[in-house]
Protein backbone atom coordinates (compact mmCIF):
# COMPACT_ATOMS: atom_id res chain seq x y z
CA UNK A 1 48.55 334.40 209.22
CA UNK A 2 50.50 331.77 211.19
CA UNK A 3 50.11 333.82 214.37
CA UNK A 4 46.35 334.07 213.87
CA UNK A 5 46.00 330.36 213.15
CA UNK A 6 48.33 328.88 215.79
CA UNK A 7 48.57 331.65 218.47
CA UNK A 8 52.35 331.33 218.66
CA UNK A 9 52.83 334.27 221.03
CA UNK A 10 50.23 333.01 223.47
CA UNK A 11 52.03 329.66 223.55
CA UNK A 12 55.41 331.41 223.98
CA UNK A 13 56.95 329.90 220.86
CA UNK A 14 57.99 330.97 217.36
CA UNK A 15 58.03 329.67 213.80
CA UNK A 16 61.64 328.44 213.90
CA UNK A 17 61.08 326.44 217.09
CA UNK A 18 57.89 324.91 215.72
CA UNK A 19 59.56 323.87 212.46
CA UNK A 20 62.43 322.22 214.32
CA UNK A 21 59.94 320.46 216.59
CA UNK A 22 57.98 319.22 213.56
CA UNK A 23 61.15 317.81 211.99
CA UNK A 24 62.07 316.12 215.27
CA UNK A 25 58.64 314.49 215.54
CA UNK A 26 58.81 313.30 211.93
CA UNK A 27 62.19 311.63 212.48
CA UNK A 28 60.85 309.94 215.63
CA UNK A 29 57.86 308.58 213.67
CA UNK A 30 59.51 307.88 210.32
CA UNK A 31 60.01 304.19 211.11
CA UNK A 32 56.29 303.66 210.45
CA UNK A 33 56.91 304.32 206.73
CA UNK A 34 58.86 301.07 206.59
CA UNK A 35 57.15 299.01 209.28
CA UNK A 36 53.51 299.57 208.29
CA UNK A 37 53.88 298.44 204.64
CA UNK A 38 55.90 295.48 205.88
CA UNK A 39 53.16 294.32 208.27
CA UNK A 40 50.14 295.06 206.05
CA UNK A 41 51.95 293.64 203.04
CA UNK A 42 51.82 290.23 204.70
CA UNK A 43 48.02 290.35 204.45
CA UNK A 44 48.29 290.43 200.65
CA UNK A 45 48.11 294.20 200.19
CA UNK A 46 50.28 295.96 197.62
CA UNK A 47 53.30 297.25 199.56
CA UNK A 48 53.87 300.33 197.39
CA UNK A 49 50.22 301.30 197.74
CA UNK A 50 50.32 300.82 201.52
CA UNK A 51 53.40 303.06 201.68
CA UNK A 52 51.51 305.75 199.77
CA UNK A 53 48.45 305.36 202.01
CA UNK A 54 50.65 305.50 205.13
CA UNK A 55 52.42 308.70 204.08
CA UNK A 56 49.34 310.49 202.75
CA UNK A 57 47.05 309.58 205.67
CA UNK A 58 49.76 310.63 208.14
CA UNK A 59 50.18 313.92 206.28
CA UNK A 60 46.46 314.68 206.14
CA UNK A 61 45.70 313.64 209.74
CA UNK A 62 48.65 315.55 211.19
CA UNK A 63 47.68 318.75 209.38
CA UNK A 64 44.01 318.37 210.41
CA UNK A 65 45.14 317.93 214.03
CA UNK A 66 47.36 321.00 213.81
CA UNK A 67 44.77 323.26 212.20
CA UNK A 68 41.63 322.01 213.98
CA UNK A 69 42.89 321.41 217.53
CA UNK A 70 46.16 323.39 217.48
CA UNK A 71 47.93 320.43 219.10
CA UNK A 72 51.62 319.61 218.49
CA UNK A 73 50.56 315.99 217.97
CA UNK A 74 51.22 314.12 214.73
CA UNK A 75 49.36 311.05 213.53
CA UNK A 76 50.04 307.99 211.37
CA UNK A 77 48.87 304.37 211.06
CA UNK A 78 49.45 303.01 214.55
CA UNK A 79 51.55 300.17 215.83
CA UNK A 80 49.47 297.41 217.38
CA UNK A 81 46.41 298.09 215.26
CA UNK A 82 48.37 297.17 212.13
CA UNK A 83 49.27 293.90 213.86
CA UNK A 84 45.60 293.42 214.78
CA UNK A 85 44.74 294.02 211.12
CA UNK A 86 47.11 291.44 209.64
CA UNK A 87 47.74 288.77 212.25
CA UNK A 88 44.31 288.61 213.89
CA UNK A 89 41.68 289.75 211.38
CA UNK A 90 43.33 288.36 208.25
CA UNK A 91 45.52 285.46 209.42
CA UNK A 92 43.62 284.14 212.46
CA UNK A 93 40.02 285.00 211.61
CA UNK A 94 40.39 284.40 207.87
CA UNK A 95 39.07 287.68 206.50
CA UNK A 96 40.46 289.39 203.40
CA UNK A 97 42.35 292.64 203.74
CA UNK A 98 39.44 294.39 202.04
CA UNK A 99 37.08 293.26 204.81
CA UNK A 100 39.65 294.38 207.37
CA UNK A 101 39.77 297.82 205.74
CA UNK A 102 35.96 297.96 205.87
CA UNK A 103 36.06 297.34 209.62
CA UNK A 104 38.68 300.07 210.06
CA UNK A 105 36.46 302.47 208.11
CA UNK A 106 33.42 301.68 210.29
CA UNK A 107 35.44 302.01 213.51
CA UNK A 108 36.57 305.43 212.28
CA UNK A 109 32.96 306.50 211.63
CA UNK A 110 31.90 305.27 215.09
CA UNK A 111 34.84 307.11 216.66
CA UNK A 112 33.77 310.19 214.73
CA UNK A 113 30.25 309.96 216.15
CA UNK A 114 31.29 309.41 219.77
CA UNK A 115 33.80 312.24 219.49
CA UNK A 116 31.09 314.79 218.67
CA UNK A 117 28.24 313.46 220.83
CA UNK A 118 29.88 313.24 224.26
CA UNK A 119 29.65 309.43 224.47
CA UNK A 120 33.43 309.44 224.80
CA UNK A 121 33.42 310.21 228.53
CA UNK A 122 30.81 307.54 229.29
CA UNK A 123 32.78 304.84 227.48
CA UNK A 124 36.10 305.87 229.03
CA UNK A 125 34.62 305.82 232.53
CA UNK A 126 33.00 302.42 232.01
CA UNK A 127 36.18 300.48 231.24
CA UNK A 128 38.57 299.96 234.18
CA UNK A 129 41.96 301.62 233.96
CA UNK A 130 43.66 298.31 234.76
CA UNK A 131 42.21 296.70 231.63
CA UNK A 132 43.28 299.64 229.49
CA UNK A 133 46.85 299.30 230.79
CA UNK A 134 46.87 295.52 230.28
CA UNK A 135 45.63 295.79 226.71
CA UNK A 136 48.27 298.38 225.82
CA UNK A 137 51.02 296.26 227.36
CA UNK A 138 49.67 293.09 225.76
CA UNK A 139 49.81 294.64 222.32
CA UNK A 140 53.41 295.60 223.03
CA UNK A 141 54.31 291.98 223.82
CA UNK A 142 52.35 290.81 220.78
CA UNK A 143 54.12 293.01 218.22
CA UNK A 144 57.50 292.11 219.73
CA UNK A 145 56.60 288.42 219.44
CA UNK A 146 55.64 288.98 215.80
CA UNK A 147 59.02 290.63 215.18
CA UNK A 148 60.89 287.73 216.79
CA UNK A 149 58.96 285.27 214.61
CA UNK A 150 59.32 287.18 211.35
CA UNK A 151 63.05 287.72 211.81
CA UNK A 152 63.70 284.06 212.67
CA UNK A 153 64.84 284.66 216.25
CA UNK A 154 61.89 282.53 217.36
CA UNK A 155 60.62 279.70 215.14
CA UNK A 156 57.81 277.14 215.23
CA UNK A 157 58.44 273.81 216.95
CA UNK A 158 56.38 270.62 216.70
CA UNK A 159 57.33 269.60 220.25
CA UNK A 160 57.23 272.87 222.19
CA UNK A 161 55.16 275.18 219.99
CA UNK A 162 57.95 277.70 219.57
CA UNK A 163 61.68 277.58 220.14
CA UNK A 164 64.85 279.58 219.55
CA UNK A 165 65.84 279.91 215.89
CA UNK A 166 69.24 279.42 214.29
CA UNK A 167 71.19 282.37 215.68
CA UNK A 168 74.05 281.75 213.25
CA UNK A 169 71.92 282.77 210.26
CA UNK A 170 73.09 286.17 208.90
CA UNK A 171 69.60 287.69 208.79
CA UNK A 172 68.86 286.55 212.35
CA UNK A 173 72.16 288.00 213.54
CA UNK A 174 71.37 291.28 211.78
CA UNK A 175 68.02 291.50 213.62
CA UNK A 176 69.66 290.77 216.98
CA UNK A 177 72.40 293.36 216.38
CA UNK A 178 69.76 295.90 215.35
CA UNK A 179 67.70 295.25 218.49
CA UNK A 180 70.72 295.69 220.75
CA UNK A 181 71.78 298.88 218.94
CA UNK A 182 68.28 300.34 219.21
CA UNK A 183 68.02 299.49 222.91
CA UNK A 184 71.35 301.24 223.49
CA UNK A 185 70.16 304.31 221.57
CA UNK A 186 66.96 304.51 223.63
CA UNK A 187 68.94 304.20 226.87
CA UNK A 188 71.26 306.98 225.69
CA UNK A 189 68.15 309.09 224.93
CA UNK A 190 69.25 309.64 221.34
CA UNK A 191 66.60 311.69 219.50
CA UNK A 192 64.47 309.52 217.18
CA UNK A 193 66.24 306.45 218.59
CA UNK A 194 63.91 303.88 216.99
CA UNK A 195 64.29 305.43 213.54
CA UNK A 196 68.07 305.84 213.90
CA UNK A 197 68.38 302.22 215.04
CA UNK A 198 66.49 301.03 211.99
CA UNK A 199 68.69 303.12 209.67
CA UNK A 200 71.88 301.77 211.25
CA UNK A 201 70.55 298.20 210.94
CA UNK A 202 69.72 298.80 207.27
CA UNK A 203 73.22 300.17 206.58
CA UNK A 204 74.84 297.16 208.25
CA UNK A 205 72.57 294.92 206.18
CA UNK A 206 73.55 296.69 202.95
CA UNK A 207 77.22 296.20 203.74
CA UNK A 208 76.67 292.51 204.49
CA UNK A 209 74.72 292.22 201.24
CA UNK A 210 77.62 293.65 199.26
CA UNK A 211 79.83 291.05 200.97
CA UNK A 212 77.66 288.27 199.56
CA UNK A 213 75.38 287.37 202.46
CA UNK A 214 71.87 286.36 201.34
CA UNK A 215 68.58 287.83 202.49
CA UNK A 216 69.98 291.27 203.20
CA UNK A 217 68.41 294.62 202.25
CA UNK A 218 69.50 296.07 198.90
CA UNK A 219 69.59 299.44 197.23
CA UNK A 220 66.81 300.18 194.72
CA UNK A 221 67.39 300.73 191.01
CA UNK A 222 66.05 304.27 191.46
CA UNK A 223 66.00 306.49 194.53
CA UNK A 224 63.17 308.86 193.61
CA UNK A 225 59.80 307.51 192.49
CA UNK A 226 57.35 308.83 189.95
CA UNK A 227 54.92 305.95 190.55
CA UNK A 228 52.10 307.27 192.72
CA UNK A 229 49.55 304.56 191.92
CA UNK A 230 47.35 303.33 194.78
CA UNK A 231 45.59 300.06 194.04
CA UNK A 232 44.21 299.95 197.59
CA UNK A 233 42.35 303.24 197.22
CA UNK A 234 38.62 302.67 197.83
CA UNK A 235 39.06 298.90 198.21
CA UNK A 236 37.40 299.00 201.64
CA UNK A 237 34.00 299.33 199.91
CA UNK A 238 34.38 295.80 198.54
CA UNK A 239 34.76 294.28 202.01
CA UNK A 240 31.42 295.13 203.66
CA UNK A 241 29.61 292.02 202.41
CA UNK A 242 32.30 289.67 203.67
CA UNK A 243 32.64 291.52 206.97
CA UNK A 244 28.95 291.41 207.89
CA UNK A 245 28.39 287.82 206.76
CA UNK A 246 28.99 287.02 210.44
CA UNK A 247 27.61 289.86 212.62
CA UNK A 248 29.24 288.63 215.85
CA UNK A 249 32.69 288.48 214.32
CA UNK A 250 32.11 291.85 212.70
CA UNK A 251 31.24 293.37 216.08
CA UNK A 252 34.32 291.92 217.77
CA UNK A 253 36.62 293.16 214.99
CA UNK A 254 35.16 296.67 214.87
CA UNK A 255 35.12 296.92 218.66
CA UNK A 256 38.76 295.81 218.84
CA UNK A 257 39.89 298.45 216.33
CA UNK A 258 37.79 301.09 218.05
CA UNK A 259 38.93 300.18 221.54
CA UNK A 260 42.64 300.14 220.75
CA UNK A 261 42.47 303.39 218.80
CA UNK A 262 40.21 305.13 221.29
CA UNK A 263 42.31 304.56 224.38
CA UNK A 264 45.66 304.75 222.63
CA UNK A 265 44.64 308.20 221.39
CA UNK A 266 43.32 309.30 224.78
CA UNK A 267 46.52 308.15 226.51
CA UNK A 268 48.74 309.86 223.96
CA UNK A 269 46.85 313.16 224.12
CA UNK A 270 46.99 313.22 227.91
CA UNK A 271 50.69 312.33 227.98
CA UNK A 272 51.67 314.94 225.40
CA UNK A 273 49.18 317.48 226.76
CA UNK A 274 50.73 317.32 230.22
CA UNK A 275 54.11 318.14 228.74
CA UNK A 276 53.05 321.18 226.77
CA UNK A 277 50.44 322.83 228.99
CA UNK A 278 47.26 321.60 227.28
CA UNK A 279 45.75 320.29 230.52
CA UNK A 280 43.67 322.85 232.46
CA UNK A 281 43.29 323.30 236.24
CA UNK A 282 40.52 320.70 236.34
CA UNK A 283 42.78 318.10 234.75
CA UNK A 284 40.91 318.22 231.45
CA UNK A 285 42.47 318.56 228.01
CA UNK A 286 41.77 321.77 226.14
CA UNK A 287 40.05 321.20 222.78
CA UNK A 288 39.94 317.48 223.51
CA UNK A 289 36.87 316.93 221.35
CA UNK A 290 38.55 318.61 218.37
CA UNK A 291 41.67 316.49 218.85
CA UNK A 292 39.61 313.29 218.96
CA UNK A 293 37.70 314.47 215.91
CA UNK A 294 40.97 314.97 214.01
CA UNK A 295 42.07 311.47 215.03
CA UNK A 296 38.84 309.89 213.81
CA UNK A 297 39.04 311.79 210.51
CA UNK A 298 42.53 310.33 210.07
CA UNK A 299 41.21 306.79 210.55
CA UNK A 300 38.42 307.25 208.01
CA UNK A 301 40.79 308.81 205.46
CA UNK A 302 43.36 306.07 206.06
CA UNK A 303 40.81 303.31 205.46
CA UNK A 304 39.70 304.94 202.22
CA UNK A 305 43.32 305.25 201.06
CA UNK A 306 44.16 301.70 202.10
CA UNK A 307 45.82 301.45 205.51
CA UNK A 308 45.02 300.38 209.05
CA UNK A 309 43.87 302.70 211.83
CA UNK A 310 45.50 306.14 211.94
CA UNK A 311 46.13 307.32 215.49
CA UNK A 312 47.99 309.93 217.53
CA UNK A 313 51.64 309.05 218.08
CA UNK A 314 53.24 309.32 221.51
CA UNK A 315 56.50 310.03 219.63
CA UNK A 316 55.07 313.54 219.28
CA UNK A 317 56.51 314.12 222.75
CA UNK A 318 59.95 314.28 221.13
CA UNK A 319 58.90 317.42 219.27
CA UNK A 320 57.38 318.86 222.44
CA UNK A 321 60.68 318.31 224.24
CA UNK A 322 62.47 320.62 221.79
CA UNK A 323 59.86 323.36 222.15
CA UNK A 324 56.84 322.40 220.01
CA UNK A 325 53.71 323.93 221.50
CA UNK A 326 51.21 324.48 218.67
CA UNK A 327 49.62 322.88 215.65
CA UNK A 328 52.39 324.28 213.47
CA UNK A 329 54.56 321.44 214.78
CA UNK A 330 52.01 318.85 213.64
CA UNK A 331 51.54 320.59 210.27
CA UNK A 332 55.29 320.55 209.68
CA UNK A 333 55.40 316.82 210.40
CA UNK A 334 52.46 316.29 208.04
CA UNK A 335 54.19 318.13 205.19
CA UNK A 336 57.32 316.02 205.70
CA UNK A 337 55.21 312.86 205.44
CA UNK A 338 53.91 314.12 202.08
CA UNK A 339 57.48 314.74 200.89
CA UNK A 340 58.55 311.24 201.99
CA UNK A 341 56.40 309.80 199.19
CA UNK A 342 59.20 310.63 196.76
CA UNK A 343 61.71 308.30 198.46
CA UNK A 344 59.50 305.21 198.69
CA UNK A 345 61.96 303.03 196.68
CA UNK A 346 64.68 303.54 199.29
CA UNK A 347 62.36 302.76 202.21
CA UNK A 348 60.71 299.70 200.68
CA UNK A 349 63.90 298.08 199.34
CA UNK A 350 65.64 298.21 202.70
CA UNK A 351 62.66 297.34 204.92
CA UNK A 352 63.30 293.62 205.35
CA UNK A 353 62.07 291.72 208.42
CA UNK A 354 65.52 291.90 209.96
CA UNK A 355 65.58 295.69 209.58
CA UNK A 356 62.07 296.34 210.89
CA UNK A 357 62.37 293.87 213.79
CA UNK A 358 64.38 296.25 216.02
CA UNK A 359 61.70 298.94 215.69
CA UNK A 360 58.91 296.49 216.51
CA UNK A 361 60.70 294.97 219.48
CA UNK A 362 61.72 298.27 221.06
CA UNK A 363 58.28 299.86 220.50
CA UNK A 364 56.86 296.71 222.11
CA UNK A 365 59.16 297.22 225.10
CA UNK A 366 58.00 300.80 225.48
CA UNK A 367 54.34 299.75 225.33
CA UNK A 368 54.94 296.94 227.84
CA UNK A 369 56.01 299.50 230.44
CA UNK A 370 52.30 300.05 231.08
CA UNK A 371 52.38 296.85 233.15
CA UNK A 372 53.91 298.96 235.90
CA UNK A 373 50.60 300.78 236.34
CA UNK A 374 48.66 297.60 237.10
CA UNK A 375 47.91 296.87 240.76
CA UNK A 376 49.32 293.35 240.94
CA UNK A 377 48.48 293.11 244.66
CA UNK A 378 44.79 293.22 243.70
CA UNK A 379 44.10 289.76 242.30
CA UNK A 380 41.13 291.02 240.27
CA UNK A 381 43.47 293.36 238.40
CA UNK A 382 46.22 290.76 238.28
CA UNK A 383 43.97 288.01 236.88
CA UNK A 384 42.27 290.09 234.19
CA UNK A 385 45.55 291.77 233.21
CA UNK A 386 47.47 288.50 233.05
CA UNK A 387 44.81 286.77 230.95
CA UNK A 388 44.65 289.71 228.56
CA UNK A 389 48.39 289.69 227.93
CA UNK A 390 49.02 285.94 227.81
CA UNK A 391 46.04 285.18 225.55
CA UNK A 392 47.04 287.88 223.07
CA UNK A 393 50.45 286.29 222.67
CA UNK A 394 49.62 282.58 222.81
CA UNK A 395 46.43 282.75 220.72
CA UNK A 396 48.14 285.12 218.27
CA UNK A 397 45.10 287.37 218.53
CA UNK A 398 44.70 290.84 220.03
CA UNK A 399 40.90 290.52 219.84
CA UNK A 400 40.89 287.25 221.80
CA UNK A 401 43.05 288.82 224.49
CA UNK A 402 40.70 291.78 224.87
CA UNK A 403 37.61 289.57 224.98
CA UNK A 404 38.92 287.06 227.54
CA UNK A 405 40.38 289.88 229.62
CA UNK A 406 36.94 291.46 229.86
CA UNK A 407 35.29 288.13 230.72
CA UNK A 408 37.90 287.40 233.41
CA UNK A 409 37.35 290.84 234.93
CA UNK A 410 33.58 290.30 235.07
CA UNK A 411 33.89 286.85 236.67
CA UNK A 412 36.47 288.09 239.19
CA UNK A 413 34.27 291.04 240.21
CA UNK A 414 31.29 288.68 240.55
CA UNK A 415 33.30 286.28 242.74
CA UNK A 416 34.48 289.13 244.97
CA UNK A 417 30.94 290.39 245.52
CA UNK A 418 31.62 293.62 243.66
CA UNK A 419 29.36 292.97 240.68
CA UNK A 420 27.33 296.12 241.35
CA UNK A 421 30.45 298.22 240.78
CA UNK A 422 30.80 296.93 237.24
CA UNK A 423 29.33 299.16 234.55
CA UNK A 424 26.37 297.77 232.56
CA UNK A 425 28.47 298.41 229.45
CA UNK A 426 31.00 295.82 230.67
CA UNK A 427 28.28 293.22 231.28
CA UNK A 428 26.81 293.81 227.81
CA UNK A 429 30.24 293.37 226.25
CA UNK A 430 30.85 290.21 228.28
CA UNK A 431 27.62 288.66 227.01
CA UNK A 432 28.57 289.48 223.43
CA UNK A 433 32.09 288.08 223.89
CA UNK A 434 30.77 284.85 225.43
CA UNK A 435 28.37 284.42 222.51
CA UNK A 436 31.25 285.10 220.15
CA UNK A 437 33.40 282.32 221.63
CA UNK A 438 30.41 279.96 221.72
CA UNK A 439 29.67 280.47 218.02
CA UNK A 440 33.15 280.56 216.45
């Protein structure tokens, strides 16, 4: 049955290799079980329910990807989009988390439609590669900045906006130690380095807690849970009225979720596909439409359960590196996410800001590497890329960074006499973004 479903022999792999690869991918992604509830919990969502939604949506989406597309790619609520959810849509724009879930649901439906109609290629070709790279890097800087703020390494200042926090505080020191440990693990190419770094930071925090230091992670009263309640399930349906009370804002929010998910997924699939032979002689991904369909299904399911956008994880490459070649790898990872539901008390009791900060900062560093692909000698690319990144950080808004980056690109192309080379889609988006800023 497994051979018929996953074509193991054709891919020159076997069940044992695929199971090991699935475990490896799960360990590389497991940090999201702690980080996602931590970030979404700040928006007012029930943390236990978000944990359940994170684990279940990751399990379902990964298995759908494995069975439908036969890709060794696992999925879970993505980094960056969870920050967009909490810090931009809820904190900056003032929407409730229910309205934010409604926008995630709609973006998933739209992604579903464009995945099956062929609009995907048209949209991808319309948006310049340089902007895609800048947005990915900008989100990396943004989530790292959030981690520095939440852990107290950076604090607010009435005179300079932000400044360095009190580095003698135990929780701040724990975050710094965790960041340095995780960086060292990544440099040493330790498997699942981000997850291992978070575990080590949590253990150090537990020890410091036993020694009497305040604010440290603690062990739960029980290690295995029997509470599977999900108060966020179906809550997205209550957010449509609030979301569409302002159509312009609704468009910007939905577009931002869609854009980040769409190109993050495309980039991940290409990166992983190149490593495991899923790219054909024409440079096209095999079963790409099915893979994108699986990703969009994950987003819709995640919104219904109560979490931010579910997307393909580039950490899947860790499983590919140990031999994962088929959907059995993704299915194995999905099953492990289901099993992780049982240990939610351990994850949630130790996932303090100091413990999750190392994961956020190092993931941000990895995302920021995309800056290397920007042509900084071309001032059009440099200007639009710079504005995208700096506005995301300083305005504390991923959506604002995307919008002003697009506008800057359009103006720069117009000034250079290259306006005819800009896709009509970009000009339409620029008009909408300008109206958005004029009306907010």
